[in-house]
């Protein structure tokens, strides 16, 4: 029998690797109060279909890397969160680069004379 857990995907930034957070309820031995603890597992996602916020079932497997010992077996519930942040980061980077190239082209076309701290032009 393999270990199986149910958890929420916290991060999916690496290729074929997701971080899944599982929570459990524990009763304190002295105070007898119940509290929640969590543990994060790095899990293998072969299909790369899991997004942050998804509820998944993970199962133990052979060691795949130094910290990956679990694999995603099924997606129990999809999240309603925005698309993957890596795609948003790439779109933002492309937009900034595009804006930078247009502004740098505008600055090179105009000739600026060097000015001093007082605002007057310096002698050449």
PDB file of N, CA and C in Angstrom:
ATOM      1  N   UNK A   1       0.838  -1.185   0.000  1.00  0.00           N
ATOM      2  CA  UNK A   1       0.000   0.000   0.000  1.00  0.00           C
ATOM      3  C   UNK A   1       0.878   1.242   0.000  1.00  0.00           C
ATOM      4  N   UNK A   2       0.645   2.131  -0.937  1.00  0.00           N
ATOM      5  CA  UNK A   2       1.417   3.357  -1.053  1.00  0.00           C
ATOM      6  C   UNK A   2       0.771   4.474  -0.248  1.00  0.00           C
ATOM      7  N   UNK A   3       1.612   5.419   0.174  1.00  0.00           N
ATOM      8  CA  UNK A   3       1.093   6.587   0.871  1.00  0.00           C
ATOM      9  C   UNK A   3       0.349   7.463  -0.128  1.00  0.00           C
ATOM     10  N   UNK A   4      -0.829   7.916   0.237  1.00  0.00           N
ATOM     11  CA  UNK A   4      -1.575   8.856  -0.598  1.00  0.00           C
ATOM     12  C   UNK A   4      -2.019  10.017   0.262  1.00  0.00           C
ATOM     13  N   UNK A   5      -1.958  11.204  -0.308  1.00  0.00           N
ATOM     14  CA  UNK A   5      -2.388  12.418   0.358  1.00  0.00           C
ATOM     15  C   UNK A   5      -3.249  13.223  -0.590  1.00  0.00           C
ATOM     16  N   UNK A   6      -4.037  14.117   0.008  1.00  0.00           N
ATOM     17  CA  UNK A   6      -4.850  15.049  -0.757  1.00  0.00           C
ATOM     18  C   UNK A   6      -4.377  16.438  -0.371  1.00  0.00           C
ATOM     19  N   UNK A   7      -4.088  17.295  -1.362  1.00  0.00           N
ATOM     20  CA  UNK A   7      -3.574  18.612  -1.040  1.00  0.00           C
ATOM     21  C   UNK A   7      -3.860  19.638  -2.118  1.00  0.00           C
ATOM     22  N   UNK A   8      -3.435  20.855  -1.851  1.00  0.00           N
ATOM     23  CA  UNK A   8      -3.638  21.977  -2.761  1.00  0.00           C
ATOM     24  C   UNK A   8      -2.304  22.348  -3.379  1.00  0.00           C
ATOM     25  N   UNK A   9      -2.297  22.588  -4.676  1.00  0.00           N
ATOM     26  CA  UNK A   9      -1.077  22.982  -5.379  1.00  0.00           C
ATOM     27  C   UNK A   9      -0.756  24.425  -5.014  1.00  0.00           C
ATOM     28  N   UNK A  10       0.432  24.633  -4.474  1.00  0.00           N
ATOM     29  CA  UNK A  10       0.859  25.958  -4.054  1.00  0.00           C
ATOM     30  C   UNK A  10       1.651  26.641  -5.158  1.00  0.00           C
ATOM     31  N   UNK A  11       2.513  25.878  -5.830  1.00  0.00           N
ATOM     32  CA  UNK A  11       3.384  26.457  -6.839  1.00  0.00           C
ATOM     33  C   UNK A  11       3.566  25.454  -7.965  1.00  0.00           C
ATOM     34  N   UNK A  12       3.606  25.987  -9.181  1.00  0.00           N
ATOM     35  CA  UNK A  12       3.846  25.148 -10.355  1.00  0.00           C
ATOM     36  C   UNK A  12       4.808  25.861 -11.295  1.00  0.00           C
ATOM     37  N   UNK A  13       5.904  26.359 -10.764  1.00  0.00           N
ATOM     38  CA  UNK A  13       6.822  27.168 -11.561  1.00  0.00           C
ATOM     39  C   UNK A  13       7.828  26.335 -12.334  1.00  0.00           C
ATOM     40  N   UNK A  14       8.215  25.181 -11.828  1.00  0.00           N
ATOM     41  CA  UNK A  14       9.209  24.352 -12.502  1.00  0.00           C
ATOM     42  C   UNK A  14       8.536  23.391 -13.477  1.00  0.00           C
ATOM     43  N   UNK A  15       9.292  22.941 -14.458  1.00  0.00           N
ATOM     44  CA  UNK A  15       8.755  22.017 -15.448  1.00  0.00           C
ATOM     45  C   UNK A  15       8.544  20.652 -14.810  1.00  0.00           C
ATOM     46  N   UNK A  16       7.337  20.130 -14.932  1.00  0.00           N
ATOM     47  CA  UNK A  16       6.950  18.803 -14.446  1.00  0.00           C
ATOM     48  C   UNK A  16       7.108  18.629 -12.943  1.00  0.00           C
ATOM     49  N   UNK A  17       7.167  19.728 -12.190  1.00  0.00           N
ATOM     50  CA  UNK A  17       7.261  19.673 -10.736  1.00  0.00           C
ATOM     51  C   UNK A  17       6.284  20.664 -10.136  1.00  0.00           C
ATOM     52  N   UNK A  18       5.520  20.218  -9.153  1.00  0.00           N
ATOM     53  CA  UNK A  18       4.597  21.096  -8.447  1.00  0.00           C
ATOM     54  C   UNK A  18       4.818  20.940  -6.949  1.00  0.00           C
ATOM     55  N   UNK A  19       4.509  22.000  -6.219  1.00  0.00           N
ATOM     56  CA  UNK A  19       4.580  21.939  -4.768  1.00  0.00           C
ATOM     57  C   UNK A  19       3.154  21.816  -4.248  1.00  0.00           C
ATOM     58  N   UNK A  20       2.899  20.731  -3.498  1.00  0.00           N
ATOM     59  CA  UNK A  20       1.570  20.454  -2.977  1.00  0.00           C
ATOM     60  C   UNK A  20       1.607  20.585  -1.459  1.00  0.00           C
ATOM     61  N   UNK A  21       0.659  21.334  -0.898  1.00  0.00           N
ATOM     62  CA  UNK A  21       0.566  21.505   0.551  1.00  0.00           C
ATOM     63  C   UNK A  21      -0.577  20.649   1.078  1.00  0.00           C
ATOM     64  N   UNK A  22      -0.242  19.756   2.010  1.00  0.00           N
ATOM     65  CA  UNK A  22      -1.249  18.932   2.672  1.00  0.00           C
ATOM     66  C   UNK A  22      -1.427  19.436   4.091  1.00  0.00           C
ATOM     67  N   UNK A  23      -2.655  19.427   4.573  1.00  0.00           N
ATOM     68  CA  UNK A  23      -2.931  19.867   5.930  1.00  0.00           C
ATOM     69  C   UNK A  23      -3.479  18.700   6.731  1.00  0.00           C
ATOM     70  N   UNK A  24      -3.184  18.697   8.022  1.00  0.00           N
ATOM     71  CA  UNK A  24      -3.717  17.665   8.900  1.00  0.00           C
ATOM     72  C   UNK A  24      -4.075  18.297  10.236  1.00  0.00           C
ATOM     73  N   UNK A  25      -5.032  17.701  10.915  1.00  0.00           N
ATOM     74  CA  UNK A  25      -5.456  18.176  12.217  1.00  0.00           C
ATOM     75  C   UNK A  25      -4.803  17.317  13.289  1.00  0.00           C
ATOM     76  N   UNK A  26      -4.177  17.976  14.269  1.00  0.00           N
ATOM     77  CA  UNK A  26      -3.437  17.289  15.321  1.00  0.00           C
ATOM     78  C   UNK A  26      -3.977  17.756  16.666  1.00  0.00           C
ATOM     79  N   UNK A  27      -4.041  16.842  17.619  1.00  0.00           N
ATOM     80  CA  UNK A  27      -4.464  17.201  18.963  1.00  0.00           C
ATOM     81  C   UNK A  27      -3.227  17.328  19.849  1.00  0.00           C
ATOM     82  N   UNK A  28      -3.103  18.469  20.520  1.00  0.00           N
ATOM     83  CA  UNK A  28      -1.960  18.702  21.390  1.00  0.00           C
ATOM     84  C   UNK A  28      -2.015  17.726  22.574  1.00  0.00           C
ATOM     85  N   UNK A  29      -0.885  17.057  22.929  1.00  0.00           N
ATOM     86  CA  UNK A  29      -0.945  16.032  23.970  1.00  0.00           C
ATOM     87  C   UNK A  29      -1.184  16.561  25.378  1.00  0.00           C
ATOM     88  N   UNK A  30      -0.784  17.786  25.670  1.00  0.00           N
ATOM     89  CA  UNK A  30      -0.942  18.321  27.023  1.00  0.00           C
ATOM     90  C   UNK A  30      -2.178  19.204  27.130  1.00  0.00           C
ATOM     91  N   UNK A  31      -2.309  20.160  26.203  1.00  0.00           N
ATOM     92  CA  UNK A  31      -3.388  21.134  26.262  1.00  0.00           C
ATOM     93  C   UNK A  31      -4.703  20.548  25.744  1.00  0.00           C
ATOM     94  N   UNK A  32      -4.618  19.495  24.927  1.00  0.00           N
ATOM     95  CA  UNK A  32      -5.774  18.814  24.329  1.00  0.00           C
ATOM     96  C   UNK A  32      -6.563  19.717  23.387  1.00  0.00           C
ATOM     97  N   UNK A  33      -5.878  20.677  22.798  1.00  0.00           N
ATOM     98  CA  UNK A  33      -6.495  21.555  21.817  1.00  0.00           C
ATOM     99  C   UNK A  33      -6.113  21.059  20.428  1.00  0.00           C
ATOM    100  N   UNK A  34      -7.038  21.095  19.472  1.00  0.00           N
ATOM    101  CA  UNK A  34      -6.726  20.659  18.108  1.00  0.00           C
ATOM    102  C   UNK A  34      -6.247  21.861  17.308  1.00  0.00           C
ATOM    103  N   UNK A  35      -5.272  21.614  16.455  1.00  0.00           N
ATOM    104  CA  UNK A  35      -4.738  22.655  15.590  1.00  0.00           C
ATOM    105  C   UNK A  35      -4.329  22.017  14.264  1.00  0.00           C
ATOM    106  N   UNK A  36      -4.182  22.860  13.258  1.00  0.00           N
ATOM    107  CA  UNK A  36      -3.830  22.371  11.924  1.00  0.00           C
ATOM    108  C   UNK A  36      -2.347  22.560  11.664  1.00  0.00           C
ATOM    109  N   UNK A  37      -1.753  21.551  11.053  1.00  0.00           N
ATOM    110  CA  UNK A  37      -0.375  21.644  10.590  1.00  0.00           C
ATOM    111  C   UNK A  37      -0.376  21.410   9.089  1.00  0.00           C
ATOM    112  N   UNK A  38       0.700  21.812   8.443  1.00  0.00           N
ATOM    113  CA  UNK A  38       0.801  21.568   7.001  1.00  0.00           C
ATOM    114  C   UNK A  38       2.199  21.099   6.666  1.00  0.00           C
ATOM    115  N   UNK A  39       2.295  20.433   5.536  1.00  0.00           N
ATOM    116  CA  UNK A  39       3.584  19.976   5.026  1.00  0.00           C
ATOM    117  C   UNK A  39       3.552  20.120   3.510  1.00  0.00           C
ATOM    118  N   UNK A  40       4.665  20.609   2.959  1.00  0.00           N
ATOM    119  CA  UNK A  40       4.779  20.785   1.513  1.00  0.00           C
ATOM    120  C   UNK A  40       5.559  19.624   0.920  1.00  0.00           C
ATOM    121  N   UNK A  41       5.056  19.092  -0.186  1.00  0.00           N
ATOM    122  CA  UNK A  41       5.710  18.012  -0.907  1.00  0.00           C
ATOM    123  C   UNK A  41       6.005  18.484  -2.323  1.00  0.00           C
ATOM    124  N   UNK A  42       7.200  18.177  -2.825  1.00  0.00           N
ATOM    125  CA  UNK A  42       7.486  18.379  -4.241  1.00  0.00           C
ATOM    126  C   UNK A  42       7.030  17.126  -4.959  1.00  0.00           C
ATOM    127  N   UNK A  43       6.193  17.299  -5.980  1.00  0.00           N
ATOM    128  CA  UNK A  43       5.575  16.162  -6.663  1.00  0.00           C
ATOM    129  C   UNK A  43       5.832  16.237  -8.154  1.00  0.00           C
ATOM    130  N   UNK A  44       5.899  15.067  -8.759  1.00  0.00           N
ATOM    131  CA  UNK A  44       6.106  14.955 -10.195  1.00  0.00           C
ATOM    132  C   UNK A  44       4.763  15.046 -10.901  1.00  0.00           C
ATOM    133  N   UNK A  45       4.682  15.887 -11.930  1.00  0.00           N
ATOM    134  CA  UNK A  45       3.473  16.048 -12.743  1.00  0.00           C
ATOM    135  C   UNK A  45       3.871  15.821 -14.190  1.00  0.00           C
ATOM    136  N   UNK A  46       3.696  14.612 -14.651  1.00  0.00           N
ATOM    137  CA  UNK A  46       4.159  14.231 -15.990  1.00  0.00           C
ATOM    138  C   UNK A  46       3.479  15.038 -17.090  1.00  0.00           C
ATOM    139  N   UNK A  47       2.178  15.298 -16.952  1.00  0.00           N
ATOM    140  CA  UNK A  47       1.441  15.972 -18.024  1.00  0.00           C
ATOM    141  C   UNK A  47       1.577  17.494 -17.976  1.00  0.00           C
ATOM    142  N   UNK A  48       2.105  18.049 -16.900  1.00  0.00           N
ATOM    143  CA  UNK A  48       2.233  19.500 -16.737  1.00  0.00           C
ATOM    144  C   UNK A  48       0.885  20.215 -16.856  1.00  0.00           C
ATOM    145  N   UNK A  49      -0.171  19.562 -16.370  1.00  0.00           N
ATOM    146  CA  UNK A  49      -1.520  20.111 -16.496  1.00  0.00           C
ATOM    147  C   UNK A  49      -2.020  20.747 -15.219  1.00  0.00           C
ATOM    148  N   UNK A  50      -1.270  20.653 -14.148  1.00  0.00           N
ATOM    149  CA  UNK A  50      -1.721  21.151 -12.848  1.00  0.00           C
ATOM    150  C   UNK A  50      -1.367  22.622 -12.705  1.00  0.00           C
ATOM    151  N   UNK A  51      -2.320  23.397 -12.164  1.00  0.00           N
ATOM    152  CA  UNK A  51      -2.134  24.825 -11.942  1.00  0.00           C
ATOM    153  C   UNK A  51      -2.202  25.128 -10.455  1.00  0.00           C
ATOM    154  N   UNK A  52      -1.679  26.264 -10.020  1.00  0.00           N
ATOM    155  CA  UNK A  52      -1.805  26.631  -8.612  1.00  0.00           C
ATOM    156  C   UNK A  52      -3.271  26.762  -8.213  1.00  0.00           C
ATOM    157  N   UNK A  53      -3.600  26.244  -7.046  1.00  0.00           N
ATOM    158  CA  UNK A  53      -4.969  26.284  -6.552  1.00  0.00           C
ATOM    159  C   UNK A  53      -5.747  25.002  -6.800  1.00  0.00           C
ATOM    160  N   UNK A  54      -5.250  24.113  -7.653  1.00  0.00           N
ATOM    161  CA  UNK A  54      -5.926  22.844  -7.907  1.00  0.00           C
ATOM    162  C   UNK A  54      -5.828  21.938  -6.686  1.00  0.00           C
ATOM    163  N   UNK A  55      -6.874  21.155  -6.450  1.00  0.00           N
ATOM    164  CA  UNK A  55      -6.851  20.137  -5.403  1.00  0.00           C
ATOM    165  C   UNK A  55      -6.492  18.823  -6.082  1.00  0.00           C
ATOM    166  N   UNK A  56      -5.419  18.177  -5.610  1.00  0.00           N
ATOM    167  CA  UNK A  56      -4.913  16.975  -6.272  1.00  0.00           C
ATOM    168  C   UNK A  56      -4.711  15.844  -5.265  1.00  0.00           C
ATOM    169  N   UNK A  57      -4.613  14.632  -5.785  1.00  0.00           N
ATOM    170  CA  UNK A  57      -4.234  13.476  -4.980  1.00  0.00           C
ATOM    171  C   UNK A  57      -2.820  13.089  -5.393  1.00  0.00           C
ATOM    172  N   UNK A  58      -1.947  12.911  -4.392  1.00  0.00           N
ATOM    173  CA  UNK A  58      -0.571  12.526  -4.681  1.00  0.00           C
ATOM    174  C   UNK A  58      -0.298  11.163  -4.062  1.00  0.00           C
ATOM    175  N   UNK A  59       0.649  10.459  -4.663  1.00  0.00           N
ATOM    176  CA  UNK A  59       0.979   9.103  -4.227  1.00  0.00           C
ATOM    177  C   UNK A  59       2.487   8.943  -4.212  1.00  0.00           C
ATOM    178  N   UNK A  60       2.988   8.190  -3.230  1.00  0.00           N
ATOM    179  CA  UNK A  60       4.430   7.990  -3.131  1.00  0.00           C
ATOM    180  C   UNK A  60       4.923   7.161  -4.309  1.00  0.00           C
ATOM    181  N   UNK A  61       6.159   7.405  -4.693  1.00  0.00           N
ATOM    182  CA  UNK A  61       6.776   6.669  -5.802  1.00  0.00           C
ATOM    183  C   UNK A  61       8.269   6.568  -5.516  1.00  0.00           C
ATOM    184  N   UNK A  62       8.998   6.012  -6.428  1.00  0.00           N
ATOM    185  CA  UNK A  62      10.447   5.912  -6.238  1.00  0.00           C
ATOM    186  C   UNK A  62      11.041   7.327  -6.236  1.00  0.00           C
ATOM    187  N   UNK A  63      12.206   7.522  -5.645  1.00  0.00           N
ATOM    188  CA  UNK A  63      12.816   8.858  -5.645  1.00  0.00           C
ATOM    189  C   UNK A  63      13.138   9.327  -7.067  1.00  0.00           C
ATOM    190  N   UNK A  64      12.592  10.477  -7.433  1.00  0.00           N
ATOM    191  CA  UNK A  64      12.808  11.027  -8.769  1.00  0.00           C
ATOM    192  C   UNK A  64      13.906  12.082  -8.780  1.00  0.00           C
ATOM    193  N   UNK A  65      14.152  12.698  -7.637  1.00  0.00           N
ATOM    194  CA  UNK A  65      15.243  13.657  -7.484  1.00  0.00           C
ATOM    195  C   UNK A  65      15.568  13.721  -5.995  1.00  0.00           C
ATOM    196  N   UNK A  66      16.352  14.704  -5.600  1.00  0.00           N
ATOM    197  CA  UNK A  66      16.762  14.802  -4.203  1.00  0.00           C
ATOM    198  C   UNK A  66      15.570  15.028  -3.273  1.00  0.00           C
ATOM    199  N   UNK A  67      14.551  15.737  -3.740  1.00  0.00           N
ATOM    200  CA  UNK A  67      13.405  16.045  -2.878  1.00  0.00           C
ATOM    201  C   UNK A  67      12.071  15.547  -3.403  1.00  0.00           C
ATOM    202  N   UNK A  68      12.025  15.007  -4.618  1.00  0.00           N
ATOM    203  CA  UNK A  68      10.762  14.536  -5.196  1.00  0.00           C
ATOM    204  C   UNK A  68      10.570  13.055  -4.910  1.00  0.00           C
ATOM    205  N   UNK A  69       9.550  12.752  -4.086  1.00  0.00           N
ATOM    206  CA  UNK A  69       9.235  11.366  -3.743  1.00  0.00           C
ATOM    207  C   UNK A  69       7.774  11.029  -3.989  1.00  0.00           C
ATOM    208  N   UNK A  70       7.017  11.971  -4.539  1.00  0.00           N
ATOM    209  CA  UNK A  70       5.597  11.777  -4.781  1.00  0.00           C
ATOM    210  C   UNK A  70       5.265  12.155  -6.217  1.00  0.00           C
ATOM    211  N   UNK A  71       4.137  11.630  -6.708  1.00  0.00           N
ATOM    212  CA  UNK A  71       3.663  11.947  -8.053  1.00  0.00           C
ATOM    213  C   UNK A  71       2.175  12.272  -7.986  1.00  0.00           C
ATOM    214  N   UNK A  72       1.724  13.182  -8.843  1.00  0.00           N
ATOM    215  CA  UNK A  72       0.314  13.543  -8.904  1.00  0.00           C
ATOM    216  C   UNK A  72      -0.421  12.421  -9.625  1.00  0.00           C
ATOM    217  N   UNK A  73      -1.425  11.841  -8.954  1.00  0.00           N
ATOM    218  CA  UNK A  73      -2.177  10.751  -9.585  1.00  0.00           C
ATOM    219  C   UNK A  73      -3.452  11.236 -10.246  1.00  0.00           C
ATOM    220  N   UNK A  74      -4.126  12.228  -9.628  1.00  0.00           N
ATOM    221  CA  UNK A  74      -5.328  12.765 -10.266  1.00  0.00           C
ATOM    222  C   UNK A  74      -5.613  14.169  -9.756  1.00  0.00           C
ATOM    223  N   UNK A  75      -6.327  14.912 -10.585  1.00  0.00           N
ATOM    224  CA  UNK A  75      -6.764  16.258 -10.225  1.00  0.00           C
ATOM    225  C   UNK A  75      -8.201  16.115  -9.733  1.00  0.00           C
ATOM    226  N   UNK A  76      -8.412  16.425  -8.461  1.00  0.00           N
ATOM    227  CA  UNK A  76      -9.743  16.277  -7.881  1.00  0.00           C
ATOM    228  C   UNK A  76     -10.640  17.459  -8.193  1.00  0.00           C
ATOM    229  N   UNK A  77     -10.084  18.675  -8.184  1.00  0.00           N
ATOM    230  CA  UNK A  77     -10.876  19.865  -8.466  1.00  0.00           C
ATOM    231  C   UNK A  77      -9.978  20.924  -9.071  1.00  0.00           C
ATOM    232  N   UNK A  78     -10.435  21.530 -10.150  1.00  0.00           N
ATOM    233  CA  UNK A  78      -9.693  22.608 -10.805  1.00  0.00           C
ATOM    234  C   UNK A  78      -9.899  23.909 -10.054  1.00  0.00           C
ATOM    235  N   UNK A  79      -8.921  24.791 -10.140  1.00  0.00           N
ATOM    236  CA  UNK A  79      -9.033  26.087  -9.472  1.00  0.00           C
ATOM    237  C   UNK A  79      -9.666  27.099 -10.410  1.00  0.00           C
ATOM    238  N   UNK A  80     -10.172  28.163  -9.811  1.00  0.00           N
ATOM    239  CA  UNK A  80     -10.746  29.250 -10.594  1.00  0.00           C
ATOM    240  C   UNK A  80      -9.787  30.426 -10.632  1.00  0.00           C
ATOM    241  N   UNK A  81      -8.505  30.167 -10.355  1.00  0.00           N
ATOM    242  CA  UNK A  81      -7.485  31.215 -10.325  1.00  0.00           C
ATOM    243  C   UNK A  81      -7.067  31.546 -11.753  1.00  0.00           C
ATOM    244  N   UNK A  82      -6.441  32.698 -11.917  1.00  0.00           N
ATOM    245  CA  UNK A  82      -5.927  33.143 -13.214  1.00  0.00           C
ATOM    246  C   UNK A  82      -4.934  32.124 -13.765  1.00  0.00           C
ATOM    247  N   UNK A  83      -4.541  32.248 -15.020  1.00  0.00           N
ATOM    248  CA  UNK A  83      -3.603  31.312 -15.617  1.00  0.00           C
ATOM    249  C   UNK A  83      -2.263  31.269 -14.891  1.00  0.00           C
ATOM    250  N   UNK A  84      -1.434  30.364 -15.322  1.00  0.00           N
ATOM    251  CA  UNK A  84      -0.134  30.123 -14.701  1.00  0.00           C
ATOM    252  C   UNK A  84       0.683  31.406 -14.630  1.00  0.00           C
ATOM    253  N   UNK A  85       1.288  31.724 -13.467  1.00  0.00           N
ATOM    254  CA  UNK A  85       2.035  32.976 -13.342  1.00  0.00           C
ATOM    255  C   UNK A  85       3.253  33.061 -14.239  1.00  0.00           C
ATOM    256  N   UNK A  86       3.814  31.923 -14.666  1.00  0.00           N
ATOM    257  CA  UNK A  86       4.970  31.993 -15.555  1.00  0.00           C
ATOM    258  C   UNK A  86       4.567  32.570 -16.904  1.00  0.00           C
ATOM    259  N   UNK A  87       3.353  32.250 -17.364  1.00  0.00           N
ATOM    260  CA  UNK A  87       2.884  32.823 -18.627  1.00  0.00           C
ATOM    261  C   UNK A  87       2.664  34.323 -18.470  1.00  0.00           C
ATOM    262  N   UNK A  88       2.092  34.723 -17.335  1.00  0.00           N
ATOM    263  CA  UNK A  88       1.875  36.146 -17.099  1.00  0.00           C
ATOM    264  C   UNK A  88       3.204  36.879 -17.006  1.00  0.00           C
ATOM    265  N   UNK A  89       4.202  36.262 -16.370  1.00  0.00           N
ATOM    266  CA  UNK A  89       5.523  36.871 -16.243  1.00  0.00           C
ATOM    267  C   UNK A  89       6.158  37.021 -17.614  1.00  0.00           C
ATOM    268  N   UNK A  90       6.008  36.020 -18.477  1.00  0.00           N
ATOM    269  CA  UNK A  90       6.588  36.087 -19.822  1.00  0.00           C
ATOM    270  C   UNK A  90       5.920  37.198 -20.634  1.00  0.00           C
ATOM    271  N   UNK A  91       4.582  37.304 -20.540  1.00  0.00           N
ATOM    272  CA  UNK A  91       3.880  38.363 -21.256  1.00  0.00           C
ATOM    273  C   UNK A  91       4.316  39.735 -20.759  1.00  0.00           C
ATOM    274  N   UNK A  92       4.493  39.887 -19.451  1.00  0.00           N
ATOM    275  CA  UNK A  92       4.935  41.157 -18.890  1.00  0.00           C
ATOM    276  C   UNK A  92       6.351  41.495 -19.359  1.00  0.00           C
ATOM    277  N   UNK A  93       7.236  40.484 -19.376  1.00  0.00           N
ATOM    278  CA  UNK A  93       8.605  40.712 -19.827  1.00  0.00           C
ATOM    279  C   UNK A  93       8.628  41.137 -21.293  1.00  0.00           C
ATOM    280  N   UNK A  94       7.820  40.486 -22.129  1.00  0.00           N
ATOM    281  CA  UNK A  94       7.751  40.861 -23.544  1.00  0.00           C
ATOM    282  C   UNK A  94       7.230  42.286 -23.713  1.00  0.00           C
ATOM    283  N   UNK A  95       6.231  42.650 -22.907  1.00  0.00           N
ATOM    284  CA  UNK A  95       5.660  43.991 -22.998  1.00  0.00           C
ATOM    285  C   UNK A  95       6.685  45.045 -22.589  1.00  0.00           C
ATOM    286  N   UNK A  96       7.419  44.786 -21.509  1.00  0.00           N
ATOM    287  CA  UNK A  96       8.434  45.739 -21.047  1.00  0.00           C
ATOM    288  C   UNK A  96       9.551  45.866 -22.075  1.00  0.00           C
ATOM    289  N   UNK A  97       9.976  44.747 -22.633  1.00  0.00           N
ATOM    290  CA  UNK A  97      11.037  44.785 -23.630  1.00  0.00           C
ATOM    291  C   UNK A  97      10.581  45.547 -24.868  1.00  0.00           C
ATOM    292  N   UNK A  98       9.350  45.337 -25.268  1.00  0.00           N
ATOM    293  CA  UNK A  98       8.808  46.034 -26.431  1.00  0.00           C
ATOM    294  C   UNK A  98       8.747  47.539 -26.160  1.00  0.00           C
ATOM    295  N   UNK A  99       8.297  47.913 -24.968  1.00  0.00           N
ATOM    296  CA  UNK A  99       8.222  49.321 -24.606  1.00  0.00           C
ATOM    297  C   UNK A  99       9.616  49.930 -24.496  1.00  0.00           C
ATOM    298  N   UNK A 100      10.570  49.168 -23.968  1.00  0.00           N
ATOM    299  CA  UNK A 100      11.939  49.654 -23.828  1.00  0.00           C
ATOM    300  C   UNK A 100      12.563  49.917 -25.200  1.00  0.00           C
ATOM    301  N   UNK A 101      12.348  49.004 -26.147  1.00  0.00           N
ATOM    302  CA  UNK A 101      12.941  49.197 -27.475  1.00  0.00           C
ATOM    303  C   UNK A 101      12.326  50.394 -28.185  1.00  0.00           C
ATOM    304  N   UNK A 102      11.027  50.637 -27.987  1.00  0.00           N
ATOM    305  CA  UNK A 102      10.418  51.797 -28.645  1.00  0.00           C
ATOM    306  C   UNK A 102      10.900  53.092 -28.014  1.00  0.00           C
ATOM    307  N   UNK A 103      11.065  53.126 -26.684  1.00  0.00           N
ATOM    308  CA  UNK A 103      11.537  54.352 -26.041  1.00  0.00           C
ATOM    309  C   UNK A 103      13.020  54.585 -26.314  1.00  0.00           C
ATOM    310  N   UNK A 104      13.816  53.518 -26.412  1.00  0.00           N
ATOM    311  CA  UNK A 104      15.237  53.710 -26.702  1.00  0.00           C
ATOM    312  C   UNK A 104      15.435  54.199 -28.136  1.00  0.00           C
ATOM    313  N   UNK A 105      14.586  53.785 -29.061  1.00  0.00           N
ATOM    314  CA  UNK A 105      14.664  54.287 -30.431  1.00  0.00           C
ATOM    315  C   UNK A 105      14.299  55.764 -30.480  1.00  0.00           C
ATOM    316  N   UNK A 106      13.325  56.190 -29.679  1.00  0.00           N
ATOM    317  CA  UNK A 106      12.937  57.597 -29.637  1.00  0.00           C
ATOM    318  C   UNK A 106      14.052  58.451 -29.054  1.00  0.00           C
ATOM    319  N   UNK A 107      14.749  57.954 -28.031  1.00  0.00           N
ATOM    320  CA  UNK A 107      15.810  58.727 -27.392  1.00  0.00           C
ATOM    321  C   UNK A 107      17.034  58.862 -28.285  1.00  0.00           C
ATOM    322  N   UNK A 108      17.335  57.859 -29.090  1.00  0.00           N
ATOM    323  CA  UNK A 108      18.513  57.930 -29.951  1.00  0.00           C
ATOM    324  C   UNK A 108      18.285  58.861 -31.128  1.00  0.00           C
ATOM    325  N   UNK A 109      17.045  59.086 -31.512  1.00  0.00           N
ATOM    326  CA  UNK A 109      16.794  59.945 -32.659  1.00  0.00           C
ATOM    327  C   UNK A 109      16.951  61.419 -32.307  1.00  0.00           C
ATOM    328  N   UNK A 110      16.755  61.793 -31.057  1.00  0.00           N
ATOM    329  CA  UNK A 110      16.912  63.194 -30.670  1.00  0.00           C
ATOM    330  C   UNK A 110      18.319  63.398 -30.128  1.00  0.00           C
ATOM    331  N   UNK A 111      18.892  64.564 -30.415  1.00  0.00           N
ATOM    332  CA  UNK A 111      20.234  64.870 -29.915  1.00  0.00           C
ATOM    333  C   UNK A 111      20.095  65.774 -28.716  1.00  0.00           C
ATOM    334  N   UNK A 112      20.556  65.307 -27.585  1.00  0.00           N
ATOM    335  CA  UNK A 112      20.487  66.089 -26.356  1.00  0.00           C
ATOM    336  C   UNK A 112      21.847  66.729 -26.104  1.00  0.00           C
ATOM    337  N   UNK A 113      21.825  67.988 -25.653  1.00  0.00           N
ATOM    338  CA  UNK A 113      23.062  68.634 -25.259  1.00  0.00           C
ATOM    339  C   UNK A 113      23.252  68.406 -23.770  1.00  0.00           C
ATOM    340  N   UNK A 114      24.472  68.131 -23.336  1.00  0.00           N
ATOM    341  CA  UNK A 114      24.671  67.874 -21.916  1.00  0.00           C
ATOM    342  C   UNK A 114      24.419  69.119 -21.087  1.00  0.00           C
ATOM    343  N   UNK A 115      23.746  68.937 -19.957  1.00  0.00           N
ATOM    344  CA  UNK A 115      23.442  70.078 -19.087  1.00  0.00           C
ATOM    345  C   UNK A 115      24.085  69.850 -17.730  1.00  0.00           C
ATOM    346  N   UNK A 116      24.335  70.966 -17.032  1.00  0.00           N
ATOM    347  CA  UNK A 116      24.897  70.886 -15.691  1.00  0.00           C
ATOM    348  C   UNK A 116      23.766  70.824 -14.678  1.00  0.00           C
ATOM    349  N   UNK A 117      24.127  70.817 -13.391  1.00  0.00           N
ATOM    350  CA  UNK A 117      23.133  70.712 -12.338  1.00  0.00           C
ATOM    351  C   UNK A 117      22.219  71.924 -12.288  1.00  0.00           C
ATOM    352  N   UNK A 118      22.722  73.099 -12.746  1.00  0.00           N
ATOM    353  CA  UNK A 118      21.900  74.316 -12.708  1.00  0.00           C
ATOM    354  C   UNK A 118      20.955  74.402 -13.881  1.00  0.00           C
ATOM    355  N   UNK A 119      21.120  73.550 -14.838  1.00  0.00           N
ATOM    356  CA  UNK A 119      20.216  73.550 -15.983  1.00  0.00           C
ATOM    357  C   UNK A 119      20.757  74.244 -17.196  1.00  0.00           C
ATOM    358  N   UNK A 120      21.963  74.813 -17.126  1.00  0.00           N
ATOM    359  CA  UNK A 120      22.568  75.481 -18.266  1.00  0.00           C
ATOM    360  C   UNK A 120      23.384  74.472 -19.033  1.00  0.00           C
ATOM    361  N   UNK A 121      23.604  74.757 -20.288  1.00  0.00           N
ATOM    362  CA  UNK A 121      24.399  73.837 -21.110  1.00  0.00           C
ATOM    363  C   UNK A 121      25.862  73.995 -20.769  1.00  0.00           C
ATOM    364  N   UNK A 122      26.565  72.901 -20.789  1.00  0.00           N
ATOM    365  CA  UNK A 122      27.995  72.946 -20.476  1.00  0.00           C
ATOM    366  C   UNK A 122      28.780  73.313 -21.716  1.00  0.00           C
ATOM    367  N   UNK A 123      29.895  74.033 -21.557  1.00  0.00           N
ATOM    368  CA  UNK A 123      30.688  74.418 -22.743  1.00  0.00           C
ATOM    369  C   UNK A 123      31.350  73.191 -23.346  1.00  0.00           C
ATOM    370  N   UNK A 124      31.370  73.151 -24.677  1.00  0.00           N
ATOM    371  CA  UNK A 124      31.971  72.012 -25.368  1.00  0.00           C
ATOM    372  C   UNK A 124      33.312  72.352 -25.936  1.00  0.00           C
TER     373      UNK A 124
END
